[in-house]
Amino acid sequence: MWDGPFYRVRRDGYEICFVPGAGEDLDKVCNVDMWVIRDDGDRWSGTVFTLDEVHRIMDRQRQAGDPEGDYWWCWDGLIVRDAGVQSMVKVIDGLVAAGEHETVLRHIGPEEIA
C-alpha cells in the first residue's frame, strides 16, 4: 500500500518499505531503496538492483571513464534477477524467513523518536 512516498508491504512480524520514484511503475522497478522493519522496531536497510540495472550502471560509468565501469559494488546492495516490487518482495521474504536479511542488509537499529 502507498503511504506518501513509501510503498509498504505488511508481513507477519515485519514490514518491507520501498521508496520508488514518483510515478514509477511498481512492476518495472529495477533500483530501489528499501527497509525491513520488524514489529519490535529494529530495521535493516538496503538497495535492491536487478542484474540488468547493474549492467546499465556499469556501462554508463565505463562510458564516462570511471573506474567503476570495470567493477561494481555496494555495501548494502541486493542484486535480484527480476524487476518489480513483487519479485523483490519474494526475495526479501525468503531472506527474512532464513534470517539472512541480518547479513545481506545493513542493520540500522530502531527508529529514534526525537
PDB file of N, CA and C in Angstrom:
ATOM      1  N   MET A   1       0.831  -1.180   0.000  1.00  0.00           N
ATOM      2  CA  MET A   1       0.000   0.000   0.000  1.00  0.00           C
ATOM      3  C   MET A   1       0.878   1.248   0.000  1.00  0.00           C
ATOM      4  N   TRP A   2       0.410   2.282  -0.646  1.00  0.00           N
ATOM      5  CA  TRP A   2       1.137   3.545  -0.683  1.00  0.00           C
ATOM      6  C   TRP A   2       0.934   4.299   0.616  1.00  0.00           C
ATOM      7  N   ASP A   3       2.018   4.901   1.109  1.00  0.00           N
ATOM      8  CA  ASP A   3       1.997   5.745   2.306  1.00  0.00           C
ATOM      9  C   ASP A   3       2.912   6.916   2.000  1.00  0.00           C
ATOM     10  N   GLY A   4       2.362   7.964   1.366  1.00  0.00           N
ATOM     11  CA  GLY A   4       3.188   9.080   0.926  1.00  0.00           C
ATOM     12  C   GLY A   4       4.159   8.583  -0.128  1.00  0.00           C
ATOM     13  N   PRO A   5       5.468   8.859   0.027  1.00  0.00           N
ATOM     14  CA  PRO A   5       6.446   8.411  -0.968  1.00  0.00           C
ATOM     15  C   PRO A   5       6.836   6.939  -0.809  1.00  0.00           C
ATOM     16  N   PHE A   6       6.335   6.285   0.205  1.00  0.00           N
ATOM     17  CA  PHE A   6       6.710   4.910   0.512  1.00  0.00           C
ATOM     18  C   PHE A   6       5.670   3.918  -0.016  1.00  0.00           C
ATOM     19  N   TYR A   7       6.159   2.760  -0.451  1.00  0.00           N
ATOM     20  CA  TYR A   7       5.270   1.654  -0.772  1.00  0.00           C
ATOM     21  C   TYR A   7       5.559   0.578   0.270  1.00  0.00           C
ATOM     22  N   ARG A   8       4.581   0.270   1.097  1.00  0.00           N
ATOM     23  CA  ARG A   8       4.764  -0.641   2.228  1.00  0.00           C
ATOM     24  C   ARG A   8       4.079  -1.972   1.970  1.00  0.00           C
ATOM     25  N   VAL A   9       4.791  -3.046   2.307  1.00  0.00           N
ATOM     26  CA  VAL A   9       4.255  -4.393   2.180  1.00  0.00           C
ATOM     27  C   VAL A   9       4.282  -4.995   3.579  1.00  0.00           C
ATOM     28  N   ARG A  10       3.119  -5.246   4.134  1.00  0.00           N
ATOM     29  CA  ARG A  10       2.996  -5.749   5.500  1.00  0.00           C
ATOM     30  C   ARG A  10       3.085  -7.266   5.512  1.00  0.00           C
ATOM     31  N   ARG A  11       3.869  -7.780   6.418  1.00  0.00           N
ATOM     32  CA  ARG A  11       4.030  -9.212   6.619  1.00  0.00           C
ATOM     33  C   ARG A  11       3.828  -9.518   8.097  1.00  0.00           C
ATOM     34  N   ASP A  12       3.696 -10.789   8.435  1.00  0.00           N
ATOM     35  CA  ASP A  12       3.555 -11.195   9.824  1.00  0.00           C
ATOM     36  C   ASP A  12       4.899 -11.015  10.520  1.00  0.00           C
ATOM     37  N   GLY A  13       5.002 -10.039  11.395  1.00  0.00           N
ATOM     38  CA  GLY A  13       6.219  -9.808  12.164  1.00  0.00           C
ATOM     39  C   GLY A  13       7.141  -8.746  11.598  1.00  0.00           C
ATOM     40  N   TYR A  14       6.871  -8.278  10.383  1.00  0.00           N
ATOM     41  CA  TYR A  14       7.728  -7.252   9.776  1.00  0.00           C
ATOM     42  C   TYR A  14       7.002  -6.565   8.631  1.00  0.00           C
ATOM     43  N   GLU A  15       7.643  -5.520   8.164  1.00  0.00           N
ATOM     44  CA  GLU A  15       7.137  -4.761   7.031  1.00  0.00           C
ATOM     45  C   GLU A  15       8.313  -4.466   6.109  1.00  0.00           C
ATOM     46  N   ILE A  16       8.061  -4.434   4.807  1.00  0.00           N
ATOM     47  CA  ILE A  16       9.072  -4.025   3.846  1.00  0.00           C
ATOM     48  C   ILE A  16       8.629  -2.679   3.301  1.00  0.00           C
ATOM     49  N   CYS A  17       9.496  -1.704   3.395  1.00  0.00           N
ATOM     50  CA  CYS A  17       9.181  -0.342   2.980  1.00  0.00           C
ATOM     51  C   CYS A  17      10.086   0.040   1.811  1.00  0.00           C
ATOM     52  N   PHE A  18       9.493   0.281   0.651  1.00  0.00           N
ATOM     53  CA  PHE A  18      10.226   0.663  -0.555  1.00  0.00           C
ATOM     54  C   PHE A  18      10.060   2.159  -0.805  1.00  0.00           C
ATOM     55  N   VAL A  19      11.035   2.744  -1.489  1.00  0.00           N
ATOM     56  CA  VAL A  19      10.963   4.160  -1.867  1.00  0.00           C
ATOM     57  C   VAL A  19      11.158   4.266  -3.385  1.00  0.00           C
ATOM     58  N   PRO A  20      10.129   3.906  -4.157  1.00  0.00           N
ATOM     59  CA  PRO A  20      10.255   4.023  -5.609  1.00  0.00           C
ATOM     60  C   PRO A  20      10.174   5.486  -6.040  1.00  0.00           C
ATOM     61  N   GLY A  21      10.593   5.750  -7.265  1.00  0.00           N
ATOM     62  CA  GLY A  21      10.494   7.098  -7.799  1.00  0.00           C
ATOM     63  C   GLY A  21       9.041   7.495  -7.986  1.00  0.00           C
ATOM     64  N   ALA A  22       8.760   8.779  -7.918  1.00  0.00           N
ATOM     65  CA  ALA A  22       7.395   9.283  -8.098  1.00  0.00           C
ATOM     66  C   ALA A  22       6.873   8.832  -9.458  1.00  0.00           C
ATOM     67  N   GLY A  23       5.725   8.189  -9.462  1.00  0.00           N
ATOM     68  CA  GLY A  23       5.104   7.738 -10.691  1.00  0.00           C
ATOM     69  C   GLY A  23       5.727   6.492 -11.308  1.00  0.00           C
ATOM     70  N   GLU A  24       6.712   5.911 -10.649  1.00  0.00           N
ATOM     71  CA  GLU A  24       7.378   4.719 -11.194  1.00  0.00           C
ATOM     72  C   GLU A  24       6.425   3.527 -11.174  1.00  0.00           C
ATOM     73  N   ASP A  25       6.403   2.768 -12.249  1.00  0.00           N
ATOM     74  CA  ASP A  25       5.587   1.567 -12.361  1.00  0.00           C
ATOM     75  C   ASP A  25       6.179   0.497 -11.444  1.00  0.00           C
ATOM     76  N   LEU A  26       5.412   0.059 -10.451  1.00  0.00           N
ATOM     77  CA  LEU A  26       5.922  -0.901  -9.464  1.00  0.00           C
ATOM     78  C   LEU A  26       6.327  -2.232 -10.093  1.00  0.00           C
ATOM     79  N   ASP A  27       5.757  -2.560 -11.252  1.00  0.00           N
ATOM     80  CA  ASP A  27       6.120  -3.807 -11.929  1.00  0.00           C
ATOM     81  C   ASP A  27       7.440  -3.702 -12.675  1.00  0.00           C
ATOM     82  N   LYS A  28       7.973  -2.482 -12.794  1.00  0.00           N
ATOM     83  CA  LYS A  28       9.213  -2.278 -13.548  1.00  0.00           C
ATOM     84  C   LYS A  28      10.361  -1.741 -12.693  1.00  0.00           C
ATOM     85  N   VAL A  29      10.154  -1.623 -11.400  1.00  0.00           N
ATOM     86  CA  VAL A  29      11.196  -1.106 -10.510  1.00  0.00           C
ATOM     87  C   VAL A  29      12.441  -1.976 -10.634  1.00  0.00           C
ATOM     88  N   CYS A  30      13.604  -1.321 -10.856  1.00  0.00           N
ATOM     89  CA  CYS A  30      14.842  -2.087 -11.024  1.00  0.00           C
ATOM     90  C   CYS A  30      15.980  -1.559 -10.141  1.00  0.00           C
ATOM     91  N   ASN A  31      15.709  -0.512  -9.361  1.00  0.00           N
ATOM     92  CA  ASN A  31      16.718   0.092  -8.486  1.00  0.00           C
ATOM     93  C   ASN A  31      15.948   0.859  -7.429  1.00  0.00           C
ATOM     94  N   VAL A  32      15.942   0.367  -6.195  1.00  0.00           N
ATOM     95  CA  VAL A  32      15.090   0.988  -5.177  1.00  0.00           C
ATOM     96  C   VAL A  32      15.693   0.806  -3.785  1.00  0.00           C
ATOM     97  N   ASP A  33      15.623   1.868  -3.006  1.00  0.00           N
ATOM     98  CA  ASP A  33      15.993   1.783  -1.595  1.00  0.00           C
ATOM     99  C   ASP A  33      14.846   1.150  -0.830  1.00  0.00           C
ATOM    100  N   MET A  34      15.192   0.410   0.209  1.00  0.00           N
ATOM    101  CA  MET A  34      14.164  -0.263   0.999  1.00  0.00           C
ATOM    102  C   MET A  34      14.643  -0.508   2.423  1.00  0.00           C
ATOM    103  N   TRP A  35      13.681  -0.820   3.297  1.00  0.00           N
ATOM    104  CA  TRP A  35      13.958  -1.193   4.682  1.00  0.00           C
ATOM    105  C   TRP A  35      13.109  -2.392   5.040  1.00  0.00           C
ATOM    106  N   VAL A  36      13.649  -3.250   5.871  1.00  0.00           N
ATOM    107  CA  VAL A  36      12.873  -4.261   6.566  1.00  0.00           C
ATOM    108  C   VAL A  36      12.724  -3.725   7.982  1.00  0.00           C
ATOM    109  N   ILE A  37      11.486  -3.595   8.418  1.00  0.00           N
ATOM    110  CA  ILE A  37      11.197  -3.066   9.747  1.00  0.00           C
ATOM    111  C   ILE A  37      10.444  -4.139  10.519  1.00  0.00           C
ATOM    112  N   ARG A  38      11.089  -4.663  11.537  1.00  0.00           N
ATOM    113  CA  ARG A  38      10.455  -5.697  12.364  1.00  0.00           C
ATOM    114  C   ARG A  38       9.441  -5.046  13.301  1.00  0.00           C
ATOM    115  N   ASP A  39       8.513  -5.835  13.780  1.00  0.00           N
ATOM    116  CA  ASP A  39       7.479  -5.308  14.670  1.00  0.00           C
ATOM    117  C   ASP A  39       8.053  -4.718  15.950  1.00  0.00           C
ATOM    118  N   ASP A  40       9.256  -5.168  16.358  1.00  0.00           N
ATOM    119  CA  ASP A  40       9.882  -4.600  17.553  1.00  0.00           C
ATOM    120  C   ASP A  40      10.596  -3.278  17.257  1.00  0.00           C
ATOM    121  N   GLY A  41      10.532  -2.813  15.974  1.00  0.00           N
ATOM    122  CA  GLY A  41      11.125  -1.536  15.587  1.00  0.00           C
ATOM    123  C   GLY A  41      12.518  -1.644  15.004  1.00  0.00           C
ATOM    124  N   ASP A  42      13.165  -2.793  15.118  1.00  0.00           N
ATOM    125  CA  ASP A  42      14.512  -2.956  14.572  1.00  0.00           C
ATOM    126  C   ASP A  42      14.447  -2.884  13.053  1.00  0.00           C
ATOM    127  N   ARG A  43      15.471  -2.263  12.422  1.00  0.00           N
ATOM    128  CA  ARG A  43      15.431  -2.012  10.983  1.00  0.00           C
ATOM    129  C   ARG A  43      16.724  -2.413  10.290  1.00  0.00           C
ATOM    130  N   TRP A  44      16.585  -2.852   9.043  1.00  0.00           N
ATOM    131  CA  TRP A  44      17.696  -3.141   8.139  1.00  0.00           C
ATOM    132  C   TRP A  44      17.414  -2.419   6.829  1.00  0.00           C
ATOM    133  N   SER A  45      18.445  -1.827   6.262  1.00  0.00           N
ATOM    134  CA  SER A  45      18.262  -1.093   5.007  1.00  0.00           C
ATOM    135  C   SER A  45      19.068  -1.739   3.891  1.00  0.00           C
ATOM    136  N   GLY A  46      18.656  -1.416   2.681  1.00  0.00           N
ATOM    137  CA  GLY A  46      19.378  -1.897   1.516  1.00  0.00           C
ATOM    138  C   GLY A  46      18.888  -1.207   0.266  1.00  0.00           C
ATOM    139  N   THR A  47      19.596  -1.450  -0.807  1.00  0.00           N
ATOM    140  CA  THR A  47      19.165  -1.010  -2.118  1.00  0.00           C
ATOM    141  C   THR A  47      19.102  -2.249  -2.986  1.00  0.00           C
ATOM    142  N   VAL A  48      17.960  -2.444  -3.632  1.00  0.00           N
ATOM    143  CA  VAL A  48      17.751  -3.614  -4.468  1.00  0.00           C
ATOM    144  C   VAL A  48      17.941  -3.203  -5.927  1.00  0.00           C
ATOM    145  N   PHE A  49      18.765  -3.959  -6.638  1.00  0.00           N
ATOM    146  CA  PHE A  49      19.064  -3.732  -8.046  1.00  0.00           C
ATOM    147  C   PHE A  49      18.769  -5.013  -8.820  1.00  0.00           C
ATOM    148  N   THR A  50      18.319  -4.874 -10.054  1.00  0.00           N
ATOM    149  CA  THR A  50      18.249  -6.049 -10.926  1.00  0.00           C
ATOM    150  C   THR A  50      19.608  -6.225 -11.597  1.00  0.00           C
ATOM    151  N   LEU A  51      19.847  -7.419 -12.123  1.00  0.00           N
ATOM    152  CA  LEU A  51      21.070  -7.668 -12.876  1.00  0.00           C
ATOM    153  C   LEU A  51      21.184  -6.694 -14.046  1.00  0.00           C
ATOM    154  N   ASP A  52      20.077  -6.467 -14.750  1.00  0.00           N
ATOM    155  CA  ASP A  52      20.099  -5.536 -15.883  1.00  0.00           C
ATOM    156  C   ASP A  52      20.457  -4.127 -15.449  1.00  0.00           C
ATOM    157  N   GLU A  53      19.964  -3.699 -14.298  1.00  0.00           N
ATOM    158  CA  GLU A  53      20.269  -2.348 -13.808  1.00  0.00           C
ATOM    159  C   GLU A  53      21.749  -2.214 -13.470  1.00  0.00           C
ATOM    160  N   VAL A  54      22.329  -3.229 -12.859  1.00  0.00           N
ATOM    161  CA  VAL A  54      23.762  -3.190 -12.557  1.00  0.00           C
ATOM    162  C   VAL A  54      24.554  -3.078 -13.865  1.00  0.00           C
ATOM    163  N   HIS A  55      24.144  -3.818 -14.859  1.00  0.00           N
ATOM    164  CA  HIS A  55      24.815  -3.750 -16.159  1.00  0.00           C
ATOM    165  C   HIS A  55      24.709  -2.340 -16.750  1.00  0.00           C
ATOM    166  N   ARG A  56      23.524  -1.725 -16.680  1.00  0.00           N
ATOM    167  CA  ARG A  56      23.344  -0.361 -17.184  1.00  0.00           C
ATOM    168  C   ARG A  56      24.226   0.635 -16.427  1.00  0.00           C
ATOM    169  N   ILE A  57      24.293   0.474 -15.107  1.00  0.00           N
ATOM    170  CA  ILE A  57      25.123   1.374 -14.284  1.00  0.00           C
ATOM    171  C   ILE A  57      26.586   1.252 -14.698  1.00  0.00           C
ATOM    172  N   MET A  58      27.055   0.013 -14.835  1.00  0.00           N
ATOM    173  CA  MET A  58      28.457  -0.195 -15.207  1.00  0.00           C
ATOM    174  C   MET A  58      28.746   0.350 -16.604  1.00  0.00           C
ATOM    175  N   ASP A  59      27.831   0.144 -17.544  1.00  0.00           N
ATOM    176  CA  ASP A  59      28.025   0.691 -18.894  1.00  0.00           C
ATOM    177  C   ASP A  59      28.114   2.214 -18.864  1.00  0.00           C
ATOM    178  N   ARG A  60      27.229   2.847 -18.122  1.00  0.00           N
ATOM    179  CA  ARG A  60      27.232   4.312 -18.015  1.00  0.00           C
ATOM    180  C   ARG A  60      28.545   4.805 -17.396  1.00  0.00           C
ATOM    181  N   GLN A  61      29.014   4.119 -16.362  1.00  0.00           N
ATOM    182  CA  GLN A  61      30.263   4.518 -15.718  1.00  0.00           C
ATOM    183  C   GLN A  61      31.459   4.287 -16.643  1.00  0.00           C
ATOM    184  N   ARG A  62      31.460   3.219 -17.399  1.00  0.00           N
ATOM    185  CA  ARG A  62      32.552   2.956 -18.336  1.00  0.00           C
ATOM    186  C   ARG A  62      32.587   4.037 -19.416  1.00  0.00           C
ATOM    187  N   GLN A  63      31.435   4.401 -19.940  1.00  0.00           N
ATOM    188  CA  GLN A  63      31.366   5.446 -20.960  1.00  0.00           C
ATOM    189  C   GLN A  63      31.847   6.793 -20.421  1.00  0.00           C
ATOM    190  N   ALA A  64      31.668   7.022 -19.129  1.00  0.00           N
ATOM    191  CA  ALA A  64      32.122   8.265 -18.506  1.00  0.00           C
ATOM    192  C   ALA A  64      33.597   8.195 -18.122  1.00  0.00           C
ATOM    193  N   GLY A  65      34.224   7.026 -18.312  1.00  0.00           N
ATOM    194  CA  GLY A  65      35.632   6.869 -17.979  1.00  0.00           C
ATOM    195  C   GLY A  65      35.894   6.593 -16.512  1.00  0.00           C
ATOM    196  N   ASP A  66      34.845   6.274 -15.750  1.00  0.00           N
ATOM    197  CA  ASP A  66      35.003   5.975 -14.324  1.00  0.00           C
ATOM    198  C   ASP A  66      35.553   4.563 -14.136  1.00  0.00           C
ATOM    199  N   PRO A  67      36.439   4.357 -13.151  1.00  0.00           N
ATOM    200  CA  PRO A  67      36.955   3.010 -12.888  1.00  0.00           C
ATOM    201  C   PRO A  67      35.845   2.016 -12.557  1.00  0.00           C
ATOM    202  N   GLU A  68      34.746   2.507 -11.974  1.00  0.00           N
ATOM    203  CA  GLU A  68      33.646   1.616 -11.603  1.00  0.00           C
ATOM    204  C   GLU A  68      32.981   0.990 -12.822  1.00  0.00           C
ATOM    205  N   GLY A  69      33.349   1.417 -14.021  1.00  0.00           N
ATOM    206  CA  GLY A  69      32.835   0.774 -15.217  1.00  0.00           C
ATOM    207  C   GLY A  69      33.366  -0.637 -15.396  1.00  0.00           C
ATOM    208  N   ASP A  70      34.446  -0.963 -14.692  1.00  0.00           N
ATOM    209  CA  ASP A  70      35.034  -2.301 -14.774  1.00  0.00           C
ATOM    210  C   ASP A  70      34.672  -3.193 -13.588  1.00  0.00           C
ATOM    211  N   TYR A  71      34.048  -2.627 -12.590  1.00  0.00           N
ATOM    212  CA  TYR A  71      33.581  -3.399 -11.441  1.00  0.00           C
ATOM    213  C   TYR A  71      32.408  -2.664 -10.821  1.00  0.00           C
ATOM    214  N   TRP A  72      31.725  -3.328  -9.925  1.00  0.00           N
ATOM    215  CA  TRP A  72      30.606  -2.686  -9.242  1.00  0.00           C
ATOM    216  C   TRP A  72      30.448  -3.317  -7.875  1.00  0.00           C
ATOM    217  N   TRP A  73      30.189  -2.473  -6.901  1.00  0.00           N
ATOM    218  CA  TRP A  73      29.901  -2.988  -5.570  1.00  0.00           C
ATOM    219  C   TRP A  73      29.022  -1.982  -4.836  1.00  0.00           C
ATOM    220  N   CYS A  74      28.357  -2.475  -3.842  1.00  0.00           N
ATOM    221  CA  CYS A  74      27.505  -1.634  -2.999  1.00  0.00           C
ATOM    222  C   CYS A  74      27.404  -2.334  -1.655  1.00  0.00           C
ATOM    223  N   TRP A  75      27.713  -1.621  -0.606  1.00  0.00           N
ATOM    224  CA  TRP A  75      27.785  -2.229   0.721  1.00  0.00           C
ATOM    225  C   TRP A  75      26.501  -2.942   1.111  1.00  0.00           C
ATOM    226  N   ASP A  76      25.369  -2.304   0.959  1.00  0.00           N
ATOM    227  CA  ASP A  76      24.118  -2.944   1.363  1.00  0.00           C
ATOM    228  C   ASP A  76      23.231  -3.218   0.153  1.00  0.00           C
ATOM    229  N   GLY A  77      23.871  -3.533  -0.970  1.00  0.00           N
ATOM    230  CA  GLY A  77      23.133  -3.808  -2.198  1.00  0.00           C
ATOM    231  C   GLY A  77      22.710  -5.262  -2.280  1.00  0.00           C
ATOM    232  N   LEU A  78      21.542  -5.447  -2.815  1.00  0.00           N
ATOM    233  CA  LEU A  78      20.994  -6.773  -3.039  1.00  0.00           C
ATOM    234  C   LEU A  78      20.660  -6.862  -4.523  1.00  0.00           C
ATOM    235  N   ILE A  79      21.261  -7.796  -5.224  1.00  0.00           N
ATOM    236  CA  ILE A  79      21.005  -7.955  -6.646  1.00  0.00           C
ATOM    237  C   ILE A  79      20.004  -9.093  -6.832  1.00  0.00           C
ATOM    238  N   VAL A  80      18.941  -8.784  -7.565  1.00  0.00           N
ATOM    239  CA  VAL A  80      17.897  -9.769  -7.838  1.00  0.00           C
ATOM    240  C   VAL A  80      17.794  -9.976  -9.341  1.00  0.00           C
ATOM    241  N   ARG A  81      17.232 -11.080  -9.724  1.00  0.00           N
ATOM    242  CA  ARG A  81      17.121 -11.414 -11.138  1.00  0.00           C
ATOM    243  C   ARG A  81      16.030 -10.604 -11.831  1.00  0.00           C
ATOM    244  N   ASP A  82      14.857 -10.492 -11.215  1.00  0.00           N
ATOM    245  CA  ASP A  82      13.689  -9.929 -11.888  1.00  0.00           C
ATOM    246  C   ASP A  82      13.289  -8.564 -11.327  1.00  0.00           C
ATOM    247  N   ALA A  83      12.820  -7.700 -12.224  1.00  0.00           N
ATOM    248  CA  ALA A  83      12.338  -6.370 -11.852  1.00  0.00           C
ATOM    249  C   ALA A  83      10.960  -6.471 -11.197  1.00  0.00           C
ATOM    250  N   GLY A  84      10.591  -5.402 -10.518  1.00  0.00           N
ATOM    251  CA  GLY A  84       9.260  -5.297  -9.930  1.00  0.00           C
ATOM    252  C   GLY A  84       9.270  -5.522  -8.433  1.00  0.00           C
ATOM    253  N   VAL A  85       8.457  -4.723  -7.760  1.00  0.00           N
ATOM    254  CA  VAL A  85       8.385  -4.805  -6.300  1.00  0.00           C
ATOM    255  C   VAL A  85       7.947  -6.194  -5.852  1.00  0.00           C
ATOM    256  N   GLN A  86       6.974  -6.798  -6.524  1.00  0.00           N
ATOM    257  CA  GLN A  86       6.505  -8.113  -6.075  1.00  0.00           C
ATOM    258  C   GLN A  86       7.599  -9.175  -6.174  1.00  0.00           C
ATOM    259  N   SER A  87       8.423  -9.119  -7.209  1.00  0.00           N
ATOM    260  CA  SER A  87       9.547 -10.051  -7.315  1.00  0.00           C
ATOM    261  C   SER A  87      10.549  -9.812  -6.190  1.00  0.00           C
ATOM    262  N   MET A  88      10.781  -8.547  -5.890  1.00  0.00           N
ATOM    263  CA  MET A  88      11.711  -8.189  -4.818  1.00  0.00           C
ATOM    264  C   MET A  88      11.176  -8.626  -3.464  1.00  0.00           C
ATOM    265  N   VAL A  89       9.878  -8.487  -3.263  1.00  0.00           N
ATOM    266  CA  VAL A  89       9.253  -8.919  -2.004  1.00  0.00           C
ATOM    267  C   VAL A  89       9.473 -10.415  -1.792  1.00  0.00           C
ATOM    268  N   LYS A  90       9.328 -11.209  -2.834  1.00  0.00           N
ATOM    269  CA  LYS A  90       9.536 -12.660  -2.705  1.00  0.00           C
ATOM    270  C   LYS A  90      10.954 -12.963  -2.230  1.00  0.00           C
ATOM    271  N   VAL A  91      11.930 -12.269  -2.800  1.00  0.00           N
ATOM    272  CA  VAL A  91      13.323 -12.475  -2.402  1.00  0.00           C
ATOM    273  C   VAL A  91      13.522 -12.057  -0.954  1.00  0.00           C
ATOM    274  N   ILE A  92      13.020 -10.893  -0.594  1.00  0.00           N
ATOM    275  CA  ILE A  92      13.203 -10.386   0.774  1.00  0.00           C
ATOM    276  C   ILE A  92      12.481 -11.270   1.774  1.00  0.00           C
ATOM    277  N   ASP A  93      11.284 -11.744   1.435  1.00  0.00           N
ATOM    278  CA  ASP A  93      10.588 -12.686   2.325  1.00  0.00           C
ATOM    279  C   ASP A  93      11.445 -13.917   2.593  1.00  0.00           C
ATOM    280  N   GLY A  94      12.096 -14.421   1.553  1.00  0.00           N
ATOM    281  CA  GLY A  94      12.970 -15.577   1.733  1.00  0.00           C
ATOM    282  C   GLY A  94      14.152 -15.268   2.624  1.00  0.00           C
ATOM    283  N   LEU A  95      14.730 -14.067   2.447  1.00  0.00           N
ATOM    284  CA  LEU A  95      15.852 -13.661   3.300  1.00  0.00           C
ATOM    285  C   LEU A  95      15.421 -13.559   4.762  1.00  0.00           C
ATOM    286  N   VAL A  96      14.260 -12.962   5.004  1.00  0.00           N
ATOM    287  CA  VAL A  96      13.777 -12.813   6.381  1.00  0.00           C
ATOM    288  C   VAL A  96      13.474 -14.184   6.977  1.00  0.00           C
ATOM    289  N   ALA A  97      12.833 -15.052   6.210  1.00  0.00           N
ATOM    290  CA  ALA A  97      12.491 -16.387   6.718  1.00  0.00           C
ATOM    291  C   ALA A  97      13.739 -17.158   7.136  1.00  0.00           C
ATOM    292  N   ALA A  98      14.833 -16.957   6.395  1.00  0.00           N
ATOM    293  CA  ALA A  98      16.080 -17.659   6.696  1.00  0.00           C
ATOM    294  C   ALA A  98      16.972 -16.889   7.674  1.00  0.00           C
ATOM    295  N   GLY A  99      16.546 -15.669   8.049  1.00  0.00           N
ATOM    296  CA  GLY A  99      17.376 -14.834   8.918  1.00  0.00           C
ATOM    297  C   GLY A  99      18.539 -14.188   8.184  1.00  0.00           C
ATOM    298  N   GLU A 100      18.616 -14.350   6.869  1.00  0.00           N
ATOM    299  CA  GLU A 100      19.746 -13.825   6.097  1.00  0.00           C
ATOM    300  C   GLU A 100      19.669 -12.318   5.862  1.00  0.00           C
ATOM    301  N   HIS A 101      18.512 -11.721   6.101  1.00  0.00           N
ATOM    302  CA  HIS A 101      18.424 -10.257   5.961  1.00  0.00           C
ATOM    303  C   HIS A 101      19.395  -9.567   6.909  1.00  0.00           C
ATOM    304  N   GLU A 102      19.705 -10.220   8.020  1.00  0.00           N
ATOM    305  CA  GLU A 102      20.616  -9.634   9.001  1.00  0.00           C
ATOM    306  C   GLU A 102      22.053  -9.609   8.498  1.00  0.00           C
ATOM    307  N   THR A 103      22.363 -10.393   7.490  1.00  0.00           N
ATOM    308  CA  THR A 103      23.693 -10.419   6.886  1.00  0.00           C
ATOM    309  C   THR A 103      23.733  -9.603   5.594  1.00  0.00           C
ATOM    310  N   VAL A 104      22.716  -9.750   4.770  1.00  0.00           N
ATOM    311  CA  VAL A 104      22.677  -9.116   3.455  1.00  0.00           C
ATOM    312  C   VAL A 104      22.422  -7.611   3.551  1.00  0.00           C
ATOM    313  N   LEU A 105      21.527  -7.217   4.442  1.00  0.00           N
ATOM    314  CA  LEU A 105      21.155  -5.815   4.573  1.00  0.00           C
ATOM    315  C   LEU A 105      21.946  -5.162   5.698  1.00  0.00           C
ATOM    316  N   ARG A 106      21.917  -3.841   5.741  1.00  0.00           N
ATOM    317  CA  ARG A 106      22.646  -3.091   6.764  1.00  0.00           C
ATOM    318  C   ARG A 106      21.743  -2.843   7.970  1.00  0.00           C
ATOM    319  N   HIS A 107      22.181  -3.275   9.128  1.00  0.00           N
ATOM    320  CA  HIS A 107      21.414  -3.048  10.352  1.00  0.00           C
ATOM    321  C   HIS A 107      21.513  -1.577  10.740  1.00  0.00           C
ATOM    322  N   ILE A 108      20.392  -0.921  10.875  1.00  0.00           N
ATOM    323  CA  ILE A 108      20.400   0.499  11.247  1.00  0.00           C
ATOM    324  C   ILE A 108      19.714   0.741  12.580  1.00  0.00           C
ATOM    325  N   GLY A 109      19.299  -0.329  13.265  1.00  0.00           N
ATOM    326  CA  GLY A 109      18.725  -0.191  14.593  1.00  0.00           C
ATOM    327  C   GLY A 109      17.310   0.356  14.566  1.00  0.00           C
ATOM    328  N   PRO A 110      16.771   0.567  15.744  1.00  0.00           N
ATOM    329  CA  PRO A 110      15.397   1.088  15.819  1.00  0.00           C
ATOM    330  C   PRO A 110      15.343   2.564  15.448  1.00  0.00           C
ATOM    331  N   GLU A 111      14.172   2.957  14.988  1.00  0.00           N
ATOM    332  CA  GLU A 111      13.973   4.375  14.670  1.00  0.00           C
ATOM    333  C   GLU A 111      14.011   5.173  15.958  1.00  0.00           C
ATOM    334  N   GLU A 112      14.742   6.261  15.924  1.00  0.00           N
ATOM    335  CA  GLU A 112      14.826   7.115  17.110  1.00  0.00           C
ATOM    336  C   GLU A 112      13.812   8.233  16.990  1.00  0.00           C
ATOM    337  N   ILE A 113      12.960   8.330  17.968  1.00  0.00           N
ATOM    338  CA  ILE A 113      11.939   9.372  18.002  1.00  0.00           C
ATOM    339  C   ILE A 113      12.505  10.554  18.784  1.00  0.00           C
ATOM    340  N   ALA A 114      12.493  11.715  18.165  1.00  0.00           N
ATOM    341  CA  ALA A 114      13.051  12.908  18.822  1.00  0.00           C
ATOM    342  C   ALA A 114      12.071  13.523  19.776  1.00  0.00           C
TER     343      ALA A 114
END
